[in-house]
């Protein structure tokens, strides 16, 4: 009898699904070319998330590589909605 391997489908989350005022640790990220340009998919704990404009800007400004680790927290503003804030690069506040 053949062994059947189960493939776990992992849905990519958006920033709106994360908890406000909680810190999230990015273990790595993957650049993805889309019809809208270059986007990033972040590996956070046991799930993946699309990078927001602020996270993309942080990656670009600091010339991060896909295996560089950083963290951010989620805040909420009624006018702008959920947004990433308080970035820390390898335990150094930026």
N, C-alpha and C. Protein backbone atom coordinates (compact mmCIF):
# COMPACT_ATOMS: atom_id res chain seq x y z
N UNK A 1 0.84 -1.18 0.00
CA UNK A 1 0.00 0.00 0.00
C UNK A 1 0.89 1.25 0.00
N UNK A 2 0.56 2.25 -0.82
CA UNK A 2 1.34 3.48 -0.91
C UNK A 2 0.99 4.44 0.22
N UNK A 3 2.02 5.14 0.67
CA UNK A 3 1.80 6.16 1.69
C UNK A 3 1.21 7.40 1.04
N UNK A 4 0.21 7.96 1.64
CA UNK A 4 -0.43 9.17 1.12
C UNK A 4 0.08 10.34 1.94
N UNK A 5 0.65 11.32 1.25
CA UNK A 5 1.13 12.51 1.97
C UNK A 5 0.07 13.60 1.89
N UNK A 6 -0.18 14.20 3.01
CA UNK A 6 -1.18 15.27 3.06
C UNK A 6 -0.48 16.60 2.82
N UNK A 7 -0.96 17.35 1.88
CA UNK A 7 -0.42 18.67 1.59
C UNK A 7 -1.30 19.69 2.29
N UNK A 8 -0.70 20.47 3.15
CA UNK A 8 -1.46 21.47 3.90
C UNK A 8 -1.60 22.74 3.08
N UNK A 9 -2.82 23.13 2.81
CA UNK A 9 -3.07 24.38 2.08
C UNK A 9 -3.00 25.53 3.05
N UNK A 10 -2.21 26.50 2.71
CA UNK A 10 -2.02 27.63 3.60
C UNK A 10 -2.52 28.90 2.90
N UNK A 11 -3.53 29.50 3.46
CA UNK A 11 -4.11 30.72 2.89
C UNK A 11 -3.27 31.92 3.32
N UNK A 12 -3.03 32.83 2.40
CA UNK A 12 -2.26 34.04 2.69
C UNK A 12 -3.19 35.06 3.34
N UNK A 13 -2.81 35.52 4.51
CA UNK A 13 -3.64 36.47 5.27
C UNK A 13 -3.36 37.90 4.85
N UNK A 14 -4.27 38.79 5.23
CA UNK A 14 -4.06 40.21 5.02
C UNK A 14 -3.84 40.87 6.39
N UNK A 15 -3.42 42.11 6.37
CA UNK A 15 -3.12 42.81 7.62
C UNK A 15 -4.37 43.00 8.48
N UNK A 16 -5.54 43.05 7.86
CA UNK A 16 -6.79 43.23 8.60
C UNK A 16 -7.12 42.06 9.50
N UNK A 17 -6.52 40.91 9.24
CA UNK A 17 -6.79 39.71 10.03
C UNK A 17 -5.88 39.57 11.25
N UNK A 18 -4.93 40.49 11.41
CA UNK A 18 -4.01 40.42 12.55
C UNK A 18 -4.54 41.23 13.72
N UNK A 19 -4.08 40.90 14.90
CA UNK A 19 -4.53 41.58 16.12
C UNK A 19 -3.81 42.92 16.31
N UNK A 20 -4.58 43.93 16.69
CA UNK A 20 -4.03 45.26 16.91
C UNK A 20 -3.16 45.25 18.16
N UNK A 21 -2.08 46.04 18.13
CA UNK A 21 -1.13 46.20 19.22
C UNK A 21 -0.41 44.91 19.59
N UNK A 22 -0.29 44.00 18.65
CA UNK A 22 0.48 42.77 18.87
C UNK A 22 1.70 42.81 17.97
N UNK A 23 2.83 42.30 18.44
CA UNK A 23 4.06 42.27 17.65
C UNK A 23 4.13 40.97 16.87
N UNK A 24 4.49 41.08 15.59
CA UNK A 24 4.62 39.94 14.70
C UNK A 24 6.06 39.84 14.22
N UNK A 25 6.62 38.63 14.24
CA UNK A 25 8.01 38.39 13.88
C UNK A 25 8.08 37.72 12.52
N UNK A 26 8.77 38.38 11.59
CA UNK A 26 8.92 37.87 10.23
C UNK A 26 10.18 37.01 10.19
N UNK A 27 10.01 35.74 9.84
CA UNK A 27 11.14 34.82 9.77
C UNK A 27 11.86 34.91 8.43
N UNK A 28 11.11 35.15 7.37
CA UNK A 28 11.66 35.34 6.03
C UNK A 28 10.55 35.89 5.13
N UNK A 29 10.90 36.23 3.92
CA UNK A 29 9.89 36.69 2.96
C UNK A 29 10.28 36.23 1.57
N UNK A 30 9.30 36.22 0.67
CA UNK A 30 9.54 35.83 -0.71
C UNK A 30 9.06 36.94 -1.63
N UNK A 31 9.90 37.40 -2.56
CA UNK A 31 9.42 38.36 -3.56
C UNK A 31 8.56 37.64 -4.60
N UNK A 32 7.46 38.27 -4.99
CA UNK A 32 6.54 37.68 -5.97
C UNK A 32 6.22 38.75 -7.01
N UNK A 33 6.43 38.41 -8.28
CA UNK A 33 6.06 39.33 -9.36
C UNK A 33 4.59 39.12 -9.69
N UNK A 34 3.82 40.19 -9.61
CA UNK A 34 2.41 40.14 -9.95
C UNK A 34 2.13 41.12 -11.07
N UNK A 35 0.92 41.12 -11.56
CA UNK A 35 0.57 42.08 -12.61
C UNK A 35 0.56 43.52 -12.08
N UNK A 36 0.58 43.68 -10.76
CA UNK A 36 0.62 45.00 -10.14
C UNK A 36 2.04 45.40 -9.74
N UNK A 37 3.03 44.57 -10.05
CA UNK A 37 4.41 44.86 -9.71
C UNK A 37 4.95 43.89 -8.67
N UNK A 38 6.09 44.22 -8.11
CA UNK A 38 6.74 43.36 -7.13
C UNK A 38 6.04 43.46 -5.78
N UNK A 39 5.66 42.31 -5.24
CA UNK A 39 5.03 42.22 -3.92
C UNK A 39 5.83 41.23 -3.09
N UNK A 40 5.58 41.21 -1.79
CA UNK A 40 6.28 40.29 -0.90
C UNK A 40 5.27 39.46 -0.12
N UNK A 41 5.61 38.19 0.09
CA UNK A 41 4.83 37.31 0.94
C UNK A 41 5.70 37.02 2.16
N UNK A 42 5.21 37.39 3.34
CA UNK A 42 5.96 37.23 4.58
C UNK A 42 5.64 35.91 5.25
N UNK A 43 6.66 35.26 5.79
CA UNK A 43 6.47 34.05 6.60
C UNK A 43 6.48 34.48 8.06
N UNK A 44 5.30 34.42 8.68
CA UNK A 44 5.14 34.83 10.08
C UNK A 44 4.61 33.63 10.85
N UNK A 45 5.40 33.18 11.82
CA UNK A 45 5.02 32.02 12.63
C UNK A 45 4.57 30.86 11.75
N UNK A 46 3.30 30.48 11.82
CA UNK A 46 2.82 29.32 11.06
C UNK A 46 1.91 29.71 9.90
N UNK A 47 1.98 30.95 9.45
CA UNK A 47 1.16 31.37 8.32
C UNK A 47 1.90 32.38 7.47
N UNK A 48 1.31 32.75 6.35
CA UNK A 48 1.91 33.74 5.45
C UNK A 48 1.00 34.95 5.35
N UNK A 49 1.59 36.07 4.98
CA UNK A 49 0.85 37.33 4.89
C UNK A 49 1.41 38.17 3.75
N UNK A 50 0.54 38.85 3.04
CA UNK A 50 0.99 39.81 2.02
C UNK A 50 1.57 41.04 2.72
N UNK A 51 2.68 41.54 2.23
CA UNK A 51 3.30 42.75 2.79
C UNK A 51 2.49 43.98 2.39
N UNK A 52 2.35 44.90 3.32
CA UNK A 52 1.68 46.17 3.04
C UNK A 52 2.68 47.13 2.41
N UNK A 53 2.22 48.31 2.02
CA UNK A 53 3.13 49.32 1.45
C UNK A 53 4.20 49.72 2.45
N UNK A 54 3.84 49.86 3.72
CA UNK A 54 4.82 50.26 4.74
C UNK A 54 5.88 49.17 4.93
N UNK A 55 5.47 47.92 4.93
CA UNK A 55 6.43 46.82 5.08
C UNK A 55 7.33 46.74 3.85
N UNK A 56 6.75 46.89 2.67
CA UNK A 56 7.54 46.88 1.43
C UNK A 56 8.56 48.01 1.44
N UNK A 57 8.15 49.18 1.89
CA UNK A 57 9.07 50.33 1.97
C UNK A 57 10.19 50.04 2.97
N UNK A 58 9.87 49.42 4.10
CA UNK A 58 10.86 49.07 5.11
C UNK A 58 11.89 48.09 4.52
N UNK A 59 11.43 47.08 3.80
CA UNK A 59 12.32 46.11 3.17
C UNK A 59 13.23 46.79 2.16
N UNK A 60 12.68 47.69 1.36
CA UNK A 60 13.43 48.38 0.32
C UNK A 60 14.46 49.35 0.90
N UNK A 61 14.05 50.18 1.85
CA UNK A 61 14.94 51.19 2.43
C UNK A 61 16.14 50.55 3.12
N UNK A 62 15.92 49.44 3.80
CA UNK A 62 16.99 48.80 4.57
C UNK A 62 17.71 47.69 3.80
N UNK A 63 17.40 47.57 2.50
CA UNK A 63 18.05 46.58 1.64
C UNK A 63 18.07 45.19 2.27
N UNK A 64 16.93 44.75 2.75
CA UNK A 64 16.85 43.46 3.42
C UNK A 64 16.93 42.32 2.41
N UNK A 65 17.47 41.21 2.86
CA UNK A 65 17.50 39.98 2.07
C UNK A 65 16.38 39.08 2.56
N UNK A 66 15.95 38.13 1.74
CA UNK A 66 14.79 37.30 2.12
C UNK A 66 14.92 36.56 3.46
N UNK A 67 16.11 36.28 3.94
CA UNK A 67 16.26 35.57 5.21
C UNK A 67 16.48 36.51 6.40
N UNK A 68 16.53 37.83 6.17
CA UNK A 68 16.68 38.79 7.27
C UNK A 68 15.41 38.79 8.12
N UNK A 69 15.59 38.85 9.42
CA UNK A 69 14.46 38.81 10.34
C UNK A 69 14.15 40.22 10.84
N UNK A 70 12.86 40.51 10.96
CA UNK A 70 12.42 41.78 11.54
C UNK A 70 11.04 41.58 12.14
N UNK A 71 10.61 42.57 12.90
CA UNK A 71 9.28 42.48 13.51
C UNK A 71 8.57 43.82 13.36
N UNK A 72 7.27 43.79 13.55
CA UNK A 72 6.45 45.00 13.48
C UNK A 72 5.22 44.78 14.34
N UNK A 73 4.55 45.88 14.66
CA UNK A 73 3.29 45.77 15.38
C UNK A 73 2.18 46.35 14.51
N UNK A 74 0.95 46.02 14.85
CA UNK A 74 -0.21 46.46 14.09
C UNK A 74 -0.94 47.53 14.89
N UNK A 75 -1.24 48.63 14.23
CA UNK A 75 -2.05 49.70 14.82
C UNK A 75 -3.26 49.94 13.93
N UNK A 76 -4.19 50.73 14.44
CA UNK A 76 -5.40 51.02 13.69
C UNK A 76 -5.72 52.50 13.79
N UNK A 77 -6.06 53.08 12.66
CA UNK A 77 -6.50 54.47 12.59
C UNK A 77 -7.78 54.46 11.76
N UNK A 78 -8.82 55.10 12.26
CA UNK A 78 -10.11 55.10 11.57
C UNK A 78 -10.03 55.57 10.14
N UNK A 79 -9.17 56.54 9.86
CA UNK A 79 -9.05 57.09 8.51
C UNK A 79 -8.29 56.15 7.58
N UNK A 80 -7.25 55.48 8.10
CA UNK A 80 -6.39 54.66 7.26
C UNK A 80 -6.57 53.15 7.46
N UNK A 81 -7.25 52.74 8.50
CA UNK A 81 -7.43 51.32 8.77
C UNK A 81 -6.23 50.72 9.48
N UNK A 82 -6.00 49.43 9.28
CA UNK A 82 -4.88 48.73 9.90
C UNK A 82 -3.58 49.11 9.20
N UNK A 83 -2.51 49.27 9.96
CA UNK A 83 -1.22 49.56 9.36
C UNK A 83 -0.09 49.02 10.24
N UNK A 84 1.04 48.71 9.59
CA UNK A 84 2.21 48.19 10.28
C UNK A 84 3.02 49.38 10.80
N UNK A 85 3.57 49.22 12.02
CA UNK A 85 4.27 50.31 12.68
C UNK A 85 5.33 49.72 13.62
N UNK A 86 6.20 50.56 14.15
CA UNK A 86 7.21 50.17 15.14
C UNK A 86 8.05 48.99 14.67
N UNK A 87 8.75 49.18 13.57
CA UNK A 87 9.59 48.13 13.01
C UNK A 87 10.84 47.93 13.85
N UNK A 88 11.24 46.69 14.01
CA UNK A 88 12.48 46.35 14.69
C UNK A 88 13.23 45.36 13.81
N UNK A 89 14.46 45.70 13.45
CA UNK A 89 15.29 44.87 12.60
C UNK A 89 16.29 44.11 13.46
N UNK A 90 16.15 42.81 13.54
CA UNK A 90 17.06 41.97 14.33
C UNK A 90 17.29 42.53 15.73
N UNK A 91 16.21 42.84 16.42
CA UNK A 91 16.23 43.36 17.79
C UNK A 91 16.84 44.77 17.91
N UNK A 92 16.90 45.53 16.83
CA UNK A 92 17.35 46.92 16.87
C UNK A 92 16.23 47.81 16.36
N UNK A 93 15.71 48.68 17.19
CA UNK A 93 14.60 49.55 16.79
C UNK A 93 15.06 50.48 15.67
N UNK A 94 14.23 50.60 14.63
CA UNK A 94 14.56 51.44 13.46
C UNK A 94 13.60 52.59 13.40
